[in-house]
Protein backbone atom coordinates (compact mmCIF):
# COMPACT_ATOMS: atom_id res chain seq x y z
CA MET A 1 112.02 118.99 108.06
CA THR A 2 115.55 118.52 108.87
CA ASP A 3 118.03 117.08 106.14
CA LYS A 4 118.31 113.84 108.05
CA PRO A 5 114.78 113.31 109.52
CA LEU A 6 115.48 109.67 110.41
CA ALA A 7 118.86 110.12 112.17
CA SER A 8 119.59 107.63 114.82
CA ARG A 9 116.49 105.60 113.70
CA ILE A 10 116.46 101.98 113.05
CA ALA A 11 114.62 100.86 109.90
CA LEU A 12 113.82 97.22 108.78
CA VAL A 13 112.72 96.75 105.11
CA THR A 14 111.85 93.22 103.75
CA GLY A 15 112.25 92.40 100.07
CA ALA A 16 115.19 95.00 100.07
CA SER A 17 117.31 93.43 97.24
CA ARG A 18 115.32 94.91 94.29
CA GLY A 19 112.42 97.00 93.19
CA ILE A 20 110.35 99.07 95.56
CA GLY A 21 112.30 97.47 98.60
CA TYR A 22 115.61 98.33 97.37
CA ALA A 23 114.55 102.03 96.69
CA THR A 24 112.78 102.20 100.11
CA ALA A 25 115.95 100.95 101.88
CA ARG A 26 118.06 103.65 99.81
CA ALA A 27 115.60 106.31 100.58
CA LEU A 28 115.56 105.58 104.37
CA ALA A 29 119.33 105.53 104.60
CA ASN A 30 119.57 108.88 102.83
CA ALA A 31 117.12 110.30 105.39
CA GLY A 32 119.50 109.05 107.98
CA ALA A 33 118.33 105.78 109.41
CA HIS A 34 120.29 102.60 109.75
CA VAL A 35 118.64 100.07 107.62
CA ILE A 36 118.22 96.46 108.36
CA ALA A 37 117.81 95.06 104.85
CA VAL A 38 116.23 91.78 104.58
CA ALA A 39 115.74 89.52 101.28
CA LYS A 40 116.62 86.04 100.12
CA THR A 41 119.15 87.17 97.63
CA GLN A 42 122.71 87.82 98.98
CA GLY A 43 123.89 89.63 95.82
CA GLY A 44 121.05 92.19 95.72
CA LEU A 45 121.65 93.05 99.32
CA GLU A 46 125.43 93.55 98.78
CA GLU A 47 124.64 95.81 95.82
CA LEU A 48 122.09 97.76 98.09
CA ASP A 49 124.86 98.18 100.84
CA ASP A 50 127.28 99.55 98.10
CA SER A 51 124.52 102.06 96.73
CA ILE A 52 123.99 103.25 100.31
CA ARG A 53 127.65 103.60 101.01
CA ALA A 54 128.10 105.54 97.47
CA ASP A 55 125.21 107.86 98.67
CA GLY A 56 127.13 108.64 101.90
CA GLY A 57 125.11 106.70 104.30
CA HIS A 58 126.09 104.09 106.83
CA ALA A 59 126.57 100.55 105.97
CA ALA A 60 123.38 98.61 106.20
CA THR A 61 122.72 95.47 108.18
CA LEU A 62 122.28 92.78 105.63
CA VAL A 63 120.13 89.95 106.52
CA PRO A 64 120.02 87.17 103.87
CA LEU A 65 116.76 85.27 104.89
CA ASP A 66 113.93 83.25 103.46
CA LEU A 67 111.12 85.09 105.13
CA LYS A 68 108.94 82.07 105.02
CA ASP A 69 111.15 80.61 107.83
CA LEU A 70 108.76 82.23 110.57
CA GLU A 71 111.20 81.15 113.36
CA ALA A 72 114.09 83.10 111.58
CA ILE A 73 111.80 86.27 111.86
CA ALA A 74 111.66 85.59 115.56
CA ARG A 75 115.52 85.34 115.81
CA LEU A 76 115.71 88.55 113.74
CA GLY A 77 113.49 90.33 116.40
CA ALA A 78 115.59 89.05 119.29
CA SER A 79 118.90 90.13 117.28
CA ILE A 80 117.40 93.53 116.91
CA TYR A 81 116.56 94.09 120.48
CA GLU A 82 120.11 92.78 121.73
CA ARG A 83 121.77 95.37 119.32
CA HIS A 84 119.47 98.24 119.28
CA GLY A 85 116.82 97.89 121.82
CA LYS A 86 114.18 99.21 119.66
CA LEU A 87 112.81 99.42 116.01
CA ASP A 88 111.58 102.80 114.58
CA VAL A 89 110.42 101.86 111.08
CA LEU A 90 109.06 98.62 109.76
CA VAL A 91 108.35 98.42 105.98
CA GLY A 92 106.72 94.98 104.91
CA ASN A 93 107.35 95.11 101.25
CA ALA A 94 108.31 91.49 100.30
CA GLY A 95 105.77 89.86 98.15
CA VAL A 96 105.10 87.46 95.29
CA ALA A 97 102.79 87.58 92.24
CA GLY A 98 101.90 83.96 92.17
CA PRO A 99 100.15 82.11 89.27
CA SER A 100 98.07 83.96 86.60
CA SER A 101 95.34 81.25 86.27
CA PRO A 102 91.71 80.23 86.89
CA LEU A 103 91.05 79.41 90.59
CA GLY A 104 90.31 75.70 89.59
CA HIS A 105 93.74 75.32 87.95
CA ILE A 106 95.87 76.50 90.78
CA GLU A 107 97.82 74.04 92.76
CA VAL A 108 97.35 74.17 96.57
CA LYS A 109 101.22 74.56 96.90
CA SER A 110 101.03 77.63 94.71
CA TRP A 111 98.15 79.01 96.60
CA SER A 112 99.96 78.50 100.03
CA ASP A 113 103.35 80.06 98.59
CA VAL A 114 101.39 83.32 98.02
CA ILE A 115 99.54 83.35 101.06
CA ASN A 116 102.56 82.43 103.11
CA LEU A 117 104.87 85.24 101.81
CA ASN A 118 102.17 87.95 101.19
CA LEU A 119 100.15 87.52 104.44
CA THR A 120 101.55 85.06 107.07
CA VAL A 121 105.02 86.69 107.01
CA ASN A 122 103.67 89.91 107.65
CA PHE A 123 101.55 88.56 110.46
CA GLN A 124 104.79 87.31 112.07
CA LEU A 125 106.51 90.46 111.54
CA ILE A 126 103.72 92.29 113.43
CA ARG A 127 104.13 89.64 116.27
CA CYS A 128 107.87 89.81 116.49
CA MET A 129 108.40 93.55 115.71
CA GLU A 130 105.58 95.35 117.68
CA PRO A 131 107.50 95.11 121.03
CA LEU A 132 110.46 96.67 119.41
CA LEU A 133 108.34 99.44 117.66
CA ARG A 134 106.79 100.08 121.23
CA ALA A 135 110.22 100.86 122.44
CA SER A 136 110.43 103.74 119.86
CA ASP A 137 108.93 107.05 120.61
CA ALA A 138 107.59 107.10 117.14
CA GLY A 139 107.38 103.75 115.79
CA ARG A 140 105.96 103.62 112.07
CA ALA A 141 104.89 100.47 110.13
CA VAL A 142 103.91 100.48 106.45
CA PHE A 143 102.86 97.55 104.42
CA LEU A 144 102.79 97.43 100.62
CA THR A 145 99.37 96.39 99.20
CA SER A 146 97.72 96.44 95.85
CA ARG A 147 94.34 97.61 94.24
CA ALA A 148 93.95 94.02 93.24
CA GLY A 149 93.03 93.35 96.81
CA GLY A 150 89.61 95.32 96.33
CA ARG A 151 89.00 94.92 92.75
CA ALA A 152 89.46 91.07 92.60
CA PRO A 153 90.66 90.63 89.14
CA ALA A 154 89.88 87.39 87.24
CA TYR A 155 92.95 84.98 87.17
CA ARG A 156 94.69 86.72 89.89
CA GLY A 157 93.09 84.86 92.80
CA PRO A 158 95.90 84.12 95.27
CA TYR A 159 97.49 87.55 94.92
CA ALA A 160 94.26 89.42 95.21
CA ALA A 161 93.06 87.35 98.28
CA SER A 162 96.34 87.94 99.95
CA LYS A 163 96.42 91.60 99.62
CA ALA A 164 92.63 91.90 100.77
CA ALA A 165 93.49 89.80 103.80
CA LEU A 166 96.65 91.90 104.44
CA GLU A 167 94.79 95.10 104.41
CA THR A 168 92.36 93.84 106.98
CA LEU A 169 95.20 92.32 109.16
CA VAL A 170 96.99 95.78 109.14
CA GLN A 171 93.80 97.81 109.81
CA VAL A 172 93.09 95.45 112.98
CA TRP A 173 96.69 96.09 114.23
CA ALA A 174 96.27 99.80 113.76
CA GLN A 175 93.13 99.78 115.81
CA GLU A 176 94.81 97.82 118.45
CA VAL A 177 97.84 100.02 119.14
CA VAL A 178 96.41 103.57 118.26
CA ASN A 179 95.32 104.44 121.64
CA THR A 180 97.98 102.79 123.83
CA THR A 181 101.22 103.34 121.96
CA PRO A 182 102.87 105.92 119.52
CA ILE A 183 102.90 103.33 116.80
CA ARG A 184 101.40 104.46 113.59
CA VAL A 185 100.41 101.61 111.01
CA ASN A 186 99.57 102.11 107.43
CA LEU A 187 99.14 100.66 104.04
CA PHE A 188 100.78 102.09 100.77
CA ASP A 189 99.77 101.09 97.39
CA PRO A 190 102.25 101.99 94.75
CA GLY A 191 100.09 101.22 91.73
CA PRO A 192 101.79 100.11 88.38
CA THR A 193 105.67 100.21 88.85
CA ARG A 194 108.66 99.31 86.86
CA THR A 195 109.34 96.20 88.87
CA LYS A 196 110.06 92.48 88.06
CA LEU A 197 106.91 91.54 89.84
CA ARG A 198 104.84 93.82 87.63
CA GLY A 199 106.50 92.54 84.65
CA THR A 200 105.39 89.03 85.68
CA ILE A 201 101.75 90.12 85.88
CA MET A 202 101.69 92.27 82.72
CA PRO A 203 104.32 90.75 80.35
CA GLY A 204 103.20 92.78 77.33
CA GLU A 205 103.28 96.08 79.11
CA ASP A 206 106.12 98.67 78.07
CA PRO A 207 107.97 99.29 81.38
CA GLU A 208 109.17 102.51 80.11
CA THR A 209 105.62 103.89 80.62
CA LEU A 210 105.81 103.14 84.35
CA PRO A 211 107.23 105.11 87.23
CA THR A 212 110.53 103.84 88.62
CA PRO A 213 110.66 102.46 92.18
CA ASP A 214 112.65 105.63 93.16
CA GLU A 215 109.96 107.72 91.99
CA VAL A 216 107.17 105.68 93.82
CA VAL A 217 109.14 105.62 97.12
CA GLU A 218 109.22 109.62 97.23
CA LYS A 219 105.44 109.17 98.14
CA LEU A 220 106.12 106.22 100.58
CA LEU A 221 108.93 107.90 102.53
CA PRO A 222 106.64 110.40 104.56
CA LEU A 223 104.68 107.59 106.06
CA CYS A 224 107.80 106.38 107.80
CA LEU A 225 108.74 109.73 109.41
CA PRO A 226 108.14 110.68 113.11
CA SER A 227 106.02 113.66 111.97
CA TRP A 228 103.62 111.20 110.18
CA ALA A 229 100.39 111.11 112.44
CA GLU A 230 97.76 109.18 110.29
CA THR A 231 97.16 105.53 111.29
CA GLY A 232 95.13 102.79 109.93
CA LYS A 233 95.03 104.60 106.48
CA LEU A 234 95.67 103.45 102.88
CA PHE A 235 97.77 105.95 100.60
CA ASP A 236 97.08 105.36 97.10
CA ARG A 237 100.17 106.91 95.19
CA VAL A 238 98.34 107.11 91.76
CA SER A 239 95.46 109.22 93.09
CA GLY A 240 97.41 110.80 95.90
CA ALA A 241 94.37 109.95 98.14
CA LEU A 242 94.59 108.98 101.88
CA LYS A 243 91.77 106.49 102.39
CA ASP A 244 90.12 105.05 105.43
CA PRO A 245 89.57 101.48 104.31
CA THR A 246 87.00 100.94 107.35
CA ALA A 247 84.88 103.86 106.42
CA ASP A 248 81.32 103.16 105.11
């Protein structure tokens, strides 16, 4: 592997202003990619850009965007095409924990907010970014998931349902593009990580006992490289296992 395996590559990361998204954007930039960083928080994006520059990387393209504005995602895709003509890496990281409550106590709006950001936004990213990934000689897409999707924990209904549906959506897409394009599509489960989202779900947990986002992203980065050949798989960071979710 060269020192800069993503040199001349274009990478889009959602939820890039903090946590795993922030660490992923930095890691991709350190690997040579030009990063298009998308998040709702302008200040966090500016801090990311400063960090990338301090690491010796090129300035990132900062996109302050409410991802629930689906038409804005479409416009972003058009803008990337006009400027770069392709996309090499897509990391769908943005997500929200949602309420921790019995299903019968959850308001419809709270349910919709979680499903929209954790699932529908990624559906729109697939629709709008697939043509750009097809223009790459080694398009790579990675979506962040959680074991909650398979374990169905009590009081975590919207979050668990959104992640279970996301996993199915990503597997469908992987099957659709595997034989006709060089795109490789996978899921990444970071496990418990020292993030704000984790603190929301587990407020009594000592964050110092958890790995940092930078440590977690060391395992995510290989899935973004041109050398990564697997598709339709789920990489479990905690166990190190590469799973086929469709296998019996």
